[in-house]
Amino acid sequence: MAHIETWYRCPTCNRVWSSQKEAITCRNSHPVKAERWAIGKNGKAVAVSYRGLDWALREADLSDFIHERAKQLEGGEKC
């Protein structure tokens, strides 16, 4: 007959453990990953790893709204 088991998954490496304590120990054993983000003047965040530092800095200052972005790009607004 089928039965139910509870497995505990490490959120970092996705390994499955039979106890919560083992999963927590596994999670805590992973190193912290540092990420670099460009933060624009309005709080917009863009990952530097996506297309590089220069692109991320420029993109972070540009608007996500199409019309406003077009004005920024054609007006030569300094980002």
N, C-alpha and C. Protein backbone atom coordinates (compact mmCIF):
# COMPACT_ATOMS: atom_id res chain seq x y z
N MET A 1 0.84 -1.17 0.00
CA MET A 1 0.00 0.00 0.00
C MET A 1 0.90 1.25 0.00
N ALA A 2 0.46 2.27 -0.66
CA ALA A 2 1.20 3.53 -0.72
C ALA A 2 1.20 4.21 0.64
N HIS A 3 2.23 5.00 0.86
CA HIS A 3 2.31 5.74 2.12
C HIS A 3 2.86 7.15 1.85
N ILE A 4 2.77 8.00 2.82
CA ILE A 4 3.22 9.39 2.71
C ILE A 4 4.51 9.56 3.49
N GLU A 5 5.50 10.21 2.88
CA GLU A 5 6.74 10.55 3.56
C GLU A 5 6.93 12.06 3.45
N THR A 6 7.61 12.62 4.41
CA THR A 6 7.95 14.04 4.36
C THR A 6 9.43 14.15 4.07
N TRP A 7 9.75 14.83 3.00
CA TRP A 7 11.14 15.08 2.63
C TRP A 7 11.42 16.55 2.83
N TYR A 8 12.66 16.87 3.13
CA TYR A 8 13.08 18.24 3.36
C TYR A 8 14.13 18.60 2.32
N ARG A 9 13.86 19.62 1.54
CA ARG A 9 14.73 20.00 0.44
C ARG A 9 15.58 21.21 0.81
N CYS A 10 16.88 21.15 0.51
CA CYS A 10 17.77 22.29 0.71
C CYS A 10 17.43 23.33 -0.36
N PRO A 11 17.12 24.58 0.01
CA PRO A 11 16.73 25.58 -0.99
C PRO A 11 17.90 26.05 -1.85
N THR A 12 19.13 25.74 -1.44
CA THR A 12 20.29 26.18 -2.19
C THR A 12 20.71 25.19 -3.27
N CYS A 13 20.82 23.91 -2.90
CA CYS A 13 21.31 22.90 -3.86
C CYS A 13 20.25 21.90 -4.30
N ASN A 14 19.05 21.98 -3.73
CA ASN A 14 17.92 21.11 -4.06
C ASN A 14 18.08 19.65 -3.64
N ARG A 15 19.06 19.33 -2.82
CA ARG A 15 19.18 17.96 -2.31
C ARG A 15 18.02 17.68 -1.36
N VAL A 16 17.60 16.43 -1.32
CA VAL A 16 16.49 16.03 -0.46
C VAL A 16 17.04 15.28 0.75
N TRP A 17 16.51 15.61 1.92
CA TRP A 17 16.95 15.01 3.17
C TRP A 17 15.75 14.41 3.88
N SER A 18 16.01 13.44 4.74
CA SER A 18 14.91 12.80 5.47
C SER A 18 14.56 13.52 6.76
N SER A 19 15.42 14.46 7.19
CA SER A 19 15.09 15.23 8.39
C SER A 19 15.30 16.72 8.14
N GLN A 20 14.53 17.52 8.84
CA GLN A 20 14.63 18.97 8.71
C GLN A 20 16.01 19.45 9.17
N LYS A 21 16.54 18.83 10.21
CA LYS A 21 17.85 19.21 10.74
C LYS A 21 18.94 19.03 9.68
N GLU A 22 18.90 17.93 8.95
CA GLU A 22 19.89 17.69 7.89
C GLU A 22 19.78 18.73 6.77
N ALA A 23 18.54 19.08 6.41
CA ALA A 23 18.33 20.07 5.35
C ALA A 23 18.83 21.44 5.79
N ILE A 24 18.60 21.80 7.04
CA ILE A 24 19.07 23.09 7.56
C ILE A 24 20.59 23.12 7.62
N THR A 25 21.21 22.03 8.04
CA THR A 25 22.67 21.94 8.08
C THR A 25 23.25 22.08 6.69
N CYS A 26 22.62 21.44 5.70
CA CYS A 26 23.07 21.54 4.31
C CYS A 26 22.96 22.98 3.83
N ARG A 27 21.81 23.62 4.07
CA ARG A 27 21.60 25.01 3.65
C ARG A 27 22.64 25.93 4.25
N ASN A 28 22.95 25.74 5.52
CA ASN A 28 23.91 26.60 6.20
C ASN A 28 25.36 26.34 5.79
N SER A 29 25.61 25.23 5.14
CA SER A 29 26.98 24.90 4.73
C SER A 29 27.38 25.55 3.40
N HIS A 30 26.43 26.11 2.68
CA HIS A 30 26.72 26.72 1.39
C HIS A 30 27.28 28.13 1.57
N PRO A 31 28.24 28.50 0.72
CA PRO A 31 28.77 29.87 0.83
C PRO A 31 27.76 30.90 0.34
N VAL A 32 27.89 32.10 0.85
CA VAL A 32 27.04 33.20 0.43
C VAL A 32 27.50 33.66 -0.95
N LYS A 33 26.56 33.90 -1.84
CA LYS A 33 26.90 34.37 -3.19
C LYS A 33 26.69 35.87 -3.27
N ALA A 34 27.73 36.58 -3.66
CA ALA A 34 27.64 38.03 -3.82
C ALA A 34 27.19 38.35 -5.24
N GLU A 35 26.29 39.30 -5.38
CA GLU A 35 25.81 39.74 -6.69
C GLU A 35 25.99 41.24 -6.79
N ARG A 36 26.32 41.72 -7.98
CA ARG A 36 26.47 43.16 -8.19
C ARG A 36 25.26 43.68 -8.95
N TRP A 37 24.67 44.76 -8.45
CA TRP A 37 23.48 45.37 -9.04
C TRP A 37 23.73 46.86 -9.21
N ALA A 38 23.26 47.40 -10.33
CA ALA A 38 23.28 48.85 -10.55
C ALA A 38 21.93 49.39 -10.11
N ILE A 39 21.93 50.39 -9.25
CA ILE A 39 20.69 50.98 -8.73
C ILE A 39 20.55 52.38 -9.32
N GLY A 40 19.46 52.62 -10.05
CA GLY A 40 19.22 53.89 -10.71
C GLY A 40 18.71 54.96 -9.78
N LYS A 41 18.58 56.15 -10.31
CA LYS A 41 18.15 57.30 -9.50
C LYS A 41 16.73 57.15 -8.97
N ASN A 42 15.90 56.34 -9.61
CA ASN A 42 14.53 56.12 -9.14
C ASN A 42 14.37 54.78 -8.42
N GLY A 43 15.48 54.12 -8.11
CA GLY A 43 15.43 52.87 -7.37
C GLY A 43 15.38 51.62 -8.22
N LYS A 44 15.40 51.75 -9.54
CA LYS A 44 15.38 50.59 -10.42
C LYS A 44 16.70 49.83 -10.28
N ALA A 45 16.62 48.51 -10.13
CA ALA A 45 17.81 47.67 -9.98
C ALA A 45 18.01 46.80 -11.21
N VAL A 46 19.26 46.76 -11.71
CA VAL A 46 19.61 45.96 -12.88
C VAL A 46 20.84 45.13 -12.55
N ALA A 47 20.79 43.83 -12.81
CA ALA A 47 21.93 42.95 -12.53
C ALA A 47 23.09 43.26 -13.47
N VAL A 48 24.27 43.45 -12.90
CA VAL A 48 25.47 43.75 -13.68
C VAL A 48 25.88 42.52 -14.50
N SER A 49 25.61 41.33 -13.99
CA SER A 49 26.03 40.10 -14.68
C SER A 49 25.27 39.86 -15.99
N TYR A 50 24.16 40.56 -16.20
CA TYR A 50 23.33 40.32 -17.39
C TYR A 50 24.04 40.76 -18.67
N ARG A 51 24.48 42.03 -18.75
CA ARG A 51 25.14 42.53 -19.96
C ARG A 51 26.37 43.38 -19.67
N GLY A 52 26.82 43.41 -18.45
CA GLY A 52 28.02 44.16 -18.12
C GLY A 52 27.73 45.44 -17.34
N LEU A 53 28.78 46.01 -16.79
CA LEU A 53 28.68 47.16 -15.90
C LEU A 53 28.14 48.42 -16.60
N ASP A 54 28.72 48.80 -17.73
CA ASP A 54 28.30 50.02 -18.42
C ASP A 54 26.83 49.97 -18.82
N TRP A 55 26.41 48.84 -19.37
CA TRP A 55 25.02 48.70 -19.79
C TRP A 55 24.09 48.77 -18.59
N ALA A 56 24.46 48.09 -17.49
CA ALA A 56 23.60 48.07 -16.30
C ALA A 56 23.45 49.46 -15.70
N LEU A 57 24.55 50.24 -15.65
CA LEU A 57 24.47 51.60 -15.11
C LEU A 57 23.55 52.48 -15.95
N ARG A 58 23.66 52.35 -17.27
CA ARG A 58 22.82 53.14 -18.18
C ARG A 58 21.36 52.71 -18.07
N GLU A 59 21.12 51.41 -18.09
CA GLU A 59 19.77 50.87 -18.05
C GLU A 59 19.07 51.19 -16.73
N ALA A 60 19.80 51.22 -15.64
CA ALA A 60 19.21 51.50 -14.33
C ALA A 60 18.63 52.90 -14.27
N ASP A 61 19.22 53.84 -14.99
CA ASP A 61 18.73 55.22 -14.98
C ASP A 61 17.63 55.48 -16.00
N LEU A 62 17.45 54.59 -16.97
CA LEU A 62 16.40 54.76 -17.98
C LEU A 62 15.05 54.29 -17.44
N SER A 63 14.00 54.93 -17.89
CA SER A 63 12.64 54.57 -17.47
C SER A 63 12.20 53.27 -18.12
N ASP A 64 11.28 52.57 -17.48
CA ASP A 64 10.68 51.37 -18.05
C ASP A 64 9.47 51.72 -18.92
N PHE A 65 8.99 52.96 -18.83
CA PHE A 65 7.84 53.39 -19.64
C PHE A 65 8.34 53.78 -21.03
N ILE A 66 7.75 53.20 -22.06
CA ILE A 66 8.22 53.33 -23.43
C ILE A 66 8.32 54.79 -23.88
N HIS A 67 7.29 55.58 -23.65
CA HIS A 67 7.29 56.97 -24.12
C HIS A 67 8.34 57.81 -23.39
N GLU A 68 8.42 57.63 -22.09
CA GLU A 68 9.41 58.39 -21.32
C GLU A 68 10.83 57.95 -21.68
N ARG A 69 11.01 56.67 -21.91
CA ARG A 69 12.32 56.14 -22.29
C ARG A 69 12.75 56.69 -23.65
N ALA A 70 11.80 56.76 -24.60
CA ALA A 70 12.11 57.30 -25.93
C ALA A 70 12.56 58.75 -25.83
N LYS A 71 11.90 59.53 -24.98
CA LYS A 71 12.29 60.93 -24.78
C LYS A 71 13.69 61.02 -24.18
N GLN A 72 13.98 60.16 -23.23
CA GLN A 72 15.30 60.16 -22.61
C GLN A 72 16.39 59.82 -23.64
N LEU A 73 16.11 58.86 -24.49
CA LEU A 73 17.12 58.44 -25.46
C LEU A 73 17.30 59.43 -26.60
N GLU A 74 16.20 60.01 -27.12
CA GLU A 74 16.35 60.93 -28.24
C GLU A 74 16.79 62.32 -27.79
N GLY A 75 16.45 62.70 -26.57
CA GLY A 75 16.84 64.00 -26.05
C GLY A 75 18.29 64.03 -25.57
N GLY A 76 18.92 62.87 -25.57
CA GLY A 76 20.30 62.81 -25.13
C GLY A 76 20.44 63.10 -23.65
N GLU A 77 19.38 62.82 -22.91
CA GLU A 77 19.42 63.06 -21.47
C GLU A 77 20.54 62.25 -20.86
N LYS A 78 21.32 62.88 -20.08
CA LYS A 78 22.47 62.23 -19.43
C LYS A 78 21.93 61.27 -18.39
N CYS A 79 22.33 60.03 -18.47
CA CYS A 79 21.84 59.01 -17.54
C CYS A 79 22.73 58.89 -16.34
